[in-house]
Amino acid sequence: MTCTDLLTLDDVYAFNPNYGTDPSYKPTSSSAKTAASFQGLTCGLLNQSSDGTIEISLTQPNAQLMTQQQDNAVASSKIVPTYGTPPTAQGFFAVTNGIGEAQVFTDTYWLTISSSNFLEPGDAESLVSAALGHLK
């Protein structure tokens, strides 16, 4: 899966037409760095007018990492029912040091989407929904 498979150009445009692929993206959030260390997908979007960024990561963690990340989400985030219906998908959201992060766990995947522009769960909802719609 590529970044444009996870969030198509149409998905990103529908969210905000000012966003596009960040050509100099490197993982910065702990979630994206963890996903990258497990050969997951990490992507960056850049707001062409404000330089705001959105960081996306997706991985298929082993059972131990999945449990560890879910436990961390339960301890440090709030459950977001609009990100999916358990047990098919379980969603969480938290703002830490000014960065809002949505996390969704499915049977197979761990998806994270984070940005300083996400102050509440609804800010990331359309991207979360679009990404989940592309997972098989």
N, C-alpha and C. Protein backbone atom coordinates (compact mmCIF):
# COMPACT_ATOMS: atom_id res chain seq x y z
N MET A 1 0.85 -1.17 0.00
CA MET A 1 0.00 0.00 0.00
C MET A 1 0.90 1.24 0.00
N THR A 2 0.49 2.24 -0.75
CA THR A 2 1.22 3.51 -0.80
C THR A 2 0.41 4.59 -0.09
N CYS A 3 1.01 5.74 0.09
CA CYS A 3 0.31 6.85 0.73
C CYS A 3 -0.94 7.25 -0.06
N THR A 4 -0.85 7.24 -1.39
CA THR A 4 -2.01 7.63 -2.20
C THR A 4 -3.05 6.52 -2.30
N ASP A 5 -2.69 5.31 -1.88
CA ASP A 5 -3.70 4.25 -1.74
C ASP A 5 -4.49 4.47 -0.44
N LEU A 6 -3.78 4.85 0.61
CA LEU A 6 -4.41 5.05 1.92
C LEU A 6 -5.30 6.29 1.93
N LEU A 7 -4.79 7.38 1.41
CA LEU A 7 -5.57 8.62 1.25
C LEU A 7 -5.34 9.11 -0.17
N THR A 8 -6.36 8.98 -0.99
CA THR A 8 -6.23 9.40 -2.39
C THR A 8 -6.15 10.92 -2.48
N LEU A 9 -5.75 11.40 -3.63
CA LEU A 9 -5.72 12.85 -3.85
C LEU A 9 -7.10 13.45 -3.67
N ASP A 10 -8.13 12.73 -4.09
CA ASP A 10 -9.51 13.20 -3.90
C ASP A 10 -9.87 13.28 -2.42
N ASP A 11 -9.43 12.28 -1.63
CA ASP A 11 -9.69 12.30 -0.18
C ASP A 11 -9.07 13.54 0.46
N VAL A 12 -7.82 13.80 0.10
CA VAL A 12 -7.10 14.94 0.67
C VAL A 12 -7.75 16.24 0.22
N TYR A 13 -8.11 16.34 -1.05
CA TYR A 13 -8.75 17.55 -1.58
C TYR A 13 -10.09 17.80 -0.88
N ALA A 14 -10.86 16.73 -0.65
CA ALA A 14 -12.15 16.87 0.02
C ALA A 14 -11.96 17.36 1.46
N PHE A 15 -10.89 16.94 2.10
CA PHE A 15 -10.58 17.39 3.46
C PHE A 15 -10.22 18.88 3.45
N ASN A 16 -9.27 19.24 2.59
CA ASN A 16 -8.84 20.64 2.47
C ASN A 16 -8.01 20.76 1.20
N PRO A 17 -8.47 21.51 0.22
CA PRO A 17 -7.77 21.60 -1.06
C PRO A 17 -6.38 22.24 -0.98
N ASN A 18 -6.03 22.82 0.15
CA ASN A 18 -4.71 23.41 0.30
C ASN A 18 -3.64 22.38 0.66
N TYR A 19 -4.04 21.15 1.00
CA TYR A 19 -3.07 20.13 1.38
C TYR A 19 -2.62 19.31 0.18
N GLY A 20 -1.36 18.93 0.22
CA GLY A 20 -0.77 18.04 -0.79
C GLY A 20 0.35 17.26 -0.14
N THR A 21 0.96 16.39 -0.90
CA THR A 21 2.05 15.57 -0.40
C THR A 21 3.20 16.46 0.08
N ASP A 22 3.76 16.11 1.23
CA ASP A 22 4.91 16.83 1.77
C ASP A 22 6.18 16.19 1.21
N PRO A 23 6.86 16.85 0.27
CA PRO A 23 8.01 16.23 -0.39
C PRO A 23 9.21 16.01 0.53
N SER A 24 9.27 16.70 1.66
CA SER A 24 10.42 16.52 2.56
C SER A 24 10.02 15.79 3.85
N TYR A 25 8.90 15.06 3.81
CA TYR A 25 8.39 14.40 5.01
C TYR A 25 9.34 13.33 5.54
N LYS A 26 9.51 13.36 6.85
CA LYS A 26 10.18 12.31 7.62
C LYS A 26 9.36 12.13 8.90
N PRO A 27 9.18 10.90 9.37
CA PRO A 27 8.38 10.68 10.58
C PRO A 27 8.91 11.48 11.77
N THR A 28 7.99 12.15 12.47
CA THR A 28 8.36 12.91 13.66
C THR A 28 7.61 12.45 14.90
N SER A 29 6.36 12.03 14.75
CA SER A 29 5.59 11.60 15.93
C SER A 29 6.09 10.23 16.38
N SER A 30 5.91 9.96 17.66
CA SER A 30 6.35 8.65 18.17
C SER A 30 5.57 7.52 17.51
N SER A 31 4.30 7.76 17.20
CA SER A 31 3.49 6.73 16.52
C SER A 31 4.04 6.42 15.14
N ALA A 32 4.35 7.47 14.38
CA ALA A 32 4.87 7.26 13.02
C ALA A 32 6.25 6.60 13.07
N LYS A 33 7.08 7.00 14.03
CA LYS A 33 8.39 6.37 14.16
C LYS A 33 8.25 4.89 14.53
N THR A 34 7.30 4.58 15.40
CA THR A 34 7.06 3.18 15.76
C THR A 34 6.57 2.41 14.55
N ALA A 35 5.62 2.97 13.81
CA ALA A 35 5.11 2.31 12.60
C ALA A 35 6.24 2.07 11.61
N ALA A 36 7.10 3.06 11.41
CA ALA A 36 8.22 2.91 10.48
C ALA A 36 9.17 1.81 10.93
N SER A 37 9.38 1.70 12.24
CA SER A 37 10.29 0.66 12.74
C SER A 37 9.74 -0.74 12.52
N PHE A 38 8.45 -0.85 12.31
CA PHE A 38 7.81 -2.14 12.02
C PHE A 38 7.45 -2.25 10.53
N GLN A 39 8.20 -1.54 9.69
CA GLN A 39 8.01 -1.53 8.24
C GLN A 39 6.62 -1.08 7.83
N GLY A 40 6.04 -0.16 8.61
CA GLY A 40 4.74 0.38 8.28
C GLY A 40 4.87 1.54 7.30
N LEU A 41 3.74 2.03 6.90
CA LEU A 41 3.65 3.15 5.97
C LEU A 41 3.58 4.45 6.77
N THR A 42 4.38 5.43 6.39
CA THR A 42 4.29 6.75 6.99
C THR A 42 4.21 7.78 5.87
N CYS A 43 3.34 8.77 6.05
CA CYS A 43 3.09 9.76 5.01
C CYS A 43 2.95 11.14 5.66
N GLY A 44 3.25 12.16 4.88
CA GLY A 44 3.08 13.52 5.35
C GLY A 44 2.33 14.35 4.34
N LEU A 45 1.46 15.20 4.84
CA LEU A 45 0.74 16.16 4.02
C LEU A 45 1.14 17.55 4.48
N LEU A 46 1.27 18.45 3.54
CA LEU A 46 1.68 19.82 3.82
C LEU A 46 0.63 20.79 3.30
N ASN A 47 0.22 21.72 4.16
CA ASN A 47 -0.69 22.77 3.74
C ASN A 47 0.12 23.78 2.93
N GLN A 48 -0.23 23.96 1.68
CA GLN A 48 0.53 24.79 0.77
C GLN A 48 0.47 26.28 1.11
N SER A 49 -0.52 26.69 1.91
CA SER A 49 -0.62 28.10 2.24
C SER A 49 -0.17 28.42 3.67
N SER A 50 -0.26 27.47 4.59
CA SER A 50 0.09 27.77 5.98
C SER A 50 1.29 26.98 6.49
N ASP A 51 1.79 26.05 5.70
CA ASP A 51 2.89 25.16 6.11
C ASP A 51 2.50 24.21 7.23
N GLY A 52 1.22 24.12 7.55
CA GLY A 52 0.77 23.13 8.53
C GLY A 52 0.97 21.73 7.97
N THR A 53 1.21 20.77 8.84
CA THR A 53 1.45 19.40 8.39
C THR A 53 0.47 18.42 9.04
N ILE A 54 0.27 17.33 8.35
CA ILE A 54 -0.50 16.20 8.86
C ILE A 54 0.38 14.97 8.67
N GLU A 55 0.49 14.18 9.72
CA GLU A 55 1.30 12.97 9.67
C GLU A 55 0.39 11.75 9.77
N ILE A 56 0.59 10.80 8.87
CA ILE A 56 -0.24 9.60 8.82
C ILE A 56 0.66 8.39 8.91
N SER A 57 0.25 7.40 9.69
CA SER A 57 1.01 6.15 9.71
C SER A 57 0.04 4.98 9.74
N LEU A 58 0.48 3.89 9.16
CA LEU A 58 -0.31 2.66 9.11
C LEU A 58 0.64 1.49 9.20
N THR A 59 0.33 0.56 10.08
CA THR A 59 1.13 -0.64 10.18
C THR A 59 0.24 -1.83 10.51
N GLN A 60 0.77 -3.00 10.22
CA GLN A 60 0.13 -4.26 10.59
C GLN A 60 0.99 -4.85 11.70
N PRO A 61 0.76 -4.41 12.93
CA PRO A 61 1.64 -4.83 14.03
C PRO A 61 1.42 -6.29 14.43
N ASN A 62 2.49 -6.84 15.01
CA ASN A 62 2.34 -8.17 15.59
C ASN A 62 1.44 -8.04 16.83
N ALA A 63 1.02 -9.16 17.38
CA ALA A 63 0.07 -9.15 18.49
C ALA A 63 0.60 -8.37 19.69
N GLN A 64 1.89 -8.49 19.97
CA GLN A 64 2.47 -7.80 21.11
C GLN A 64 2.44 -6.27 20.93
N LEU A 65 2.84 -5.79 19.77
CA LEU A 65 2.81 -4.35 19.51
C LEU A 65 1.37 -3.84 19.49
N MET A 66 0.47 -4.58 18.90
CA MET A 66 -0.94 -4.17 18.84
C MET A 66 -1.48 -3.99 20.25
N THR A 67 -1.24 -4.95 21.12
CA THR A 67 -1.73 -4.88 22.50
C THR A 67 -1.09 -3.71 23.23
N GLN A 68 0.21 -3.54 23.05
CA GLN A 68 0.92 -2.44 23.70
C GLN A 68 0.37 -1.08 23.27
N GLN A 69 0.16 -0.89 21.98
CA GLN A 69 -0.33 0.39 21.48
C GLN A 69 -1.79 0.63 21.89
N GLN A 70 -2.59 -0.43 21.89
CA GLN A 70 -3.98 -0.27 22.35
C GLN A 70 -4.02 0.10 23.83
N ASP A 71 -3.19 -0.55 24.63
CA ASP A 71 -3.13 -0.22 26.06
C ASP A 71 -2.70 1.23 26.27
N ASN A 72 -1.72 1.67 25.50
CA ASN A 72 -1.28 3.07 25.58
C ASN A 72 -2.41 4.02 25.20
N ALA A 73 -3.15 3.69 24.16
CA ALA A 73 -4.26 4.54 23.72
C ALA A 73 -5.35 4.61 24.78
N VAL A 74 -5.67 3.47 25.38
CA VAL A 74 -6.70 3.44 26.42
C VAL A 74 -6.27 4.31 27.60
N ALA A 75 -4.99 4.26 27.95
CA ALA A 75 -4.49 4.99 29.12
C ALA A 75 -4.34 6.50 28.87
N SER A 76 -4.09 6.89 27.62
CA SER A 76 -3.75 8.30 27.38
C SER A 76 -4.71 9.04 26.47
N SER A 77 -5.75 8.39 25.98
CA SER A 77 -6.66 9.00 25.02
C SER A 77 -8.11 8.78 25.42
N LYS A 78 -8.97 9.43 24.69
CA LYS A 78 -10.41 9.23 24.88
C LYS A 78 -10.95 8.41 23.72
N ILE A 79 -11.88 7.53 24.02
CA ILE A 79 -12.52 6.71 22.99
C ILE A 79 -13.36 7.62 22.09
N VAL A 80 -13.28 7.36 20.79
CA VAL A 80 -14.05 8.12 19.80
C VAL A 80 -14.91 7.14 19.01
N PRO A 81 -16.19 7.05 19.34
CA PRO A 81 -17.05 6.07 18.67
C PRO A 81 -17.27 6.35 17.18
N THR A 82 -17.10 7.58 16.74
CA THR A 82 -17.32 7.88 15.32
C THR A 82 -16.16 7.44 14.43
N TYR A 83 -15.07 6.98 15.01
CA TYR A 83 -13.95 6.47 14.21
C TYR A 83 -14.15 5.01 13.82
N GLY A 84 -15.18 4.37 14.30
CA GLY A 84 -15.43 2.97 13.95
C GLY A 84 -16.22 2.30 15.05
N THR A 85 -16.73 1.13 14.75
CA THR A 85 -17.55 0.39 15.70
C THR A 85 -16.78 -0.82 16.21
N PRO A 86 -16.53 -0.89 17.53
CA PRO A 86 -15.86 -2.08 18.07
C PRO A 86 -16.72 -3.31 17.83
N PRO A 87 -16.18 -4.46 17.60
CA PRO A 87 -14.75 -4.77 17.58
C PRO A 87 -14.10 -4.55 16.21
N THR A 88 -14.86 -4.16 15.19
CA THR A 88 -14.29 -3.97 13.85
C THR A 88 -13.23 -2.89 13.85
N ALA A 89 -13.50 -1.78 14.50
CA ALA A 89 -12.54 -0.68 14.62
C ALA A 89 -12.77 0.02 15.94
N GLN A 90 -11.69 0.37 16.61
CA GLN A 90 -11.78 1.08 17.87
C GLN A 90 -10.93 2.34 17.76
N GLY A 91 -11.56 3.51 17.96
CA GLY A 91 -10.88 4.78 17.76
C GLY A 91 -10.61 5.53 19.04
N PHE A 92 -9.53 6.32 19.02
CA PHE A 92 -9.10 7.12 20.16
C PHE A 92 -8.59 8.47 19.65
N PHE A 93 -8.64 9.46 20.55
CA PHE A 93 -8.09 10.78 20.21
C PHE A 93 -7.53 11.41 21.47
N ALA A 94 -6.39 12.11 21.29
CA ALA A 94 -5.79 12.87 22.38
C ALA A 94 -5.00 14.03 21.80
N VAL A 95 -4.89 15.09 22.57
CA VAL A 95 -4.01 16.20 22.23
C VAL A 95 -2.88 16.20 23.25
N THR A 96 -1.65 16.11 22.75
CA THR A 96 -0.47 16.10 23.60
C THR A 96 0.53 17.12 23.07
N ASN A 97 0.93 18.03 23.93
CA ASN A 97 1.87 19.08 23.54
C ASN A 97 1.43 19.82 22.27
N GLY A 98 0.13 20.07 22.17
CA GLY A 98 -0.40 20.83 21.04
C GLY A 98 -0.61 20.06 19.76
N ILE A 99 -0.38 18.74 19.78
CA ILE A 99 -0.57 17.89 18.60
C ILE A 99 -1.73 16.94 18.87
N GLY A 100 -2.77 17.03 18.03
CA GLY A 100 -3.89 16.11 18.14
C GLY A 100 -3.62 14.86 17.34
N GLU A 101 -3.91 13.71 17.96
CA GLU A 101 -3.66 12.44 17.26
C GLU A 101 -4.88 11.54 17.35
N ALA A 102 -5.32 11.09 16.17
CA ALA A 102 -6.37 10.08 16.07
C ALA A 102 -5.68 8.74 15.89
N GLN A 103 -6.14 7.74 16.62
CA GLN A 103 -5.64 6.38 16.47
C GLN A 103 -6.82 5.45 16.27
N VAL A 104 -6.68 4.53 15.33
CA VAL A 104 -7.73 3.54 15.11
C VAL A 104 -7.07 2.17 15.01
N PHE A 105 -7.66 1.23 15.72
CA PHE A 105 -7.19 -0.15 15.71
C PHE A 105 -8.26 -1.03 15.08
N THR A 106 -7.87 -1.79 14.08
CA THR A 106 -8.76 -2.80 13.50
C THR A 106 -8.15 -4.16 13.85
N ASP A 107 -8.76 -5.22 13.37
CA ASP A 107 -8.19 -6.55 13.63
C ASP A 107 -6.78 -6.67 13.07
N THR A 108 -6.49 -5.93 12.01
CA THR A 108 -5.23 -6.06 11.29
C THR A 108 -4.33 -4.84 11.40
N TYR A 109 -4.90 -3.64 11.46
CA TYR A 109 -4.13 -2.41 11.31
C TYR A 109 -4.16 -1.51 12.53
N TRP A 110 -3.10 -0.70 12.61
CA TRP A 110 -3.03 0.42 13.54
C TRP A 110 -2.79 1.67 12.70
N LEU A 111 -3.77 2.56 12.68
CA LEU A 111 -3.74 3.79 11.89
C LEU A 111 -3.62 4.97 12.83
N THR A 112 -2.71 5.91 12.51
CA THR A 112 -2.63 7.16 13.26
C THR A 112 -2.61 8.33 12.29
N ILE A 113 -3.26 9.40 12.69
CA ILE A 113 -3.26 10.65 11.92
C ILE A 113 -3.12 11.78 12.93
N SER A 114 -2.07 12.60 12.76
CA SER A 114 -1.82 13.63 13.75
C SER A 114 -1.45 14.97 13.10
N SER A 115 -1.78 16.05 13.83
CA SER A 115 -1.49 17.40 13.35
C SER A 115 -1.71 18.40 14.48
N SER A 116 -0.99 19.49 14.43
CA SER A 116 -1.24 20.58 15.38
C SER A 116 -2.58 21.26 15.08
N ASN A 117 -3.14 21.00 13.91
CA ASN A 117 -4.44 21.56 13.54
C ASN A 117 -5.61 20.74 14.07
N PHE A 118 -5.34 19.58 14.65
CA PHE A 118 -6.41 18.73 15.19
C PHE A 118 -6.55 19.02 16.69
N LEU A 119 -7.60 19.72 17.04
CA LEU A 119 -7.82 20.06 18.44
C LEU A 119 -8.93 19.22 19.07
N GLU A 120 -9.72 18.58 18.24
CA GLU A 120 -10.80 17.72 18.72
C GLU A 120 -10.98 16.56 17.74
N PRO A 121 -11.62 15.48 18.16
CA PRO A 121 -11.73 14.29 17.32
C PRO A 121 -12.32 14.54 15.93
N GLY A 122 -13.30 15.44 15.85
CA GLY A 122 -13.95 15.71 14.57
C GLY A 122 -13.03 16.32 13.53
N ASP A 123 -11.94 16.95 13.97
CA ASP A 123 -11.02 17.58 13.02
C ASP A 123 -10.35 16.56 12.11
N ALA A 124 -10.16 15.36 12.59
CA ALA A 124 -9.50 14.31 11.81
C ALA A 124 -10.47 13.29 11.23
N GLU A 125 -11.73 13.42 11.56
CA GLU A 125 -12.71 12.38 11.24
C GLU A 125 -12.81 12.04 9.76
N SER A 126 -12.83 13.03 8.89
CA SER A 126 -12.99 12.72 7.46
C SER A 126 -11.77 11.98 6.91
N LEU A 127 -10.57 12.31 7.39
CA LEU A 127 -9.37 11.59 6.94
C LEU A 127 -9.36 10.16 7.50
N VAL A 128 -9.74 10.01 8.76
CA VAL A 128 -9.82 8.68 9.35
C VAL A 128 -10.80 7.82 8.57
N SER A 129 -11.97 8.36 8.30
CA SER A 129 -12.99 7.62 7.56
C SER A 129 -12.52 7.22 6.16
N ALA A 130 -11.89 8.16 5.47
CA ALA A 130 -11.40 7.87 4.13
C ALA A 130 -10.33 6.78 4.17
N ALA A 131 -9.40 6.88 5.10
CA ALA A 131 -8.32 5.89 5.20
C ALA A 131 -8.89 4.52 5.53
N LEU A 132 -9.80 4.45 6.49
CA LEU A 132 -10.40 3.14 6.86
C LEU A 132 -11.14 2.55 5.67
N GLY A 133 -11.75 3.40 4.85
CA GLY A 133 -12.48 2.91 3.68
C GLY A 133 -11.58 2.27 2.63
N HIS A 134 -10.29 2.58 2.67
CA HIS A 134 -9.36 2.01 1.70
C HIS A 134 -8.64 0.76 2.20
N LEU A 135 -8.84 0.42 3.47
CA LEU A 135 -8.18 -0.77 4.02
C LEU A 135 -8.98 -2.01 3.66
N LYS A 136 -8.25 -3.07 3.41
CA LYS A 136 -8.91 -4.34 3.06
C LYS A 136 -8.70 -5.35 4.15
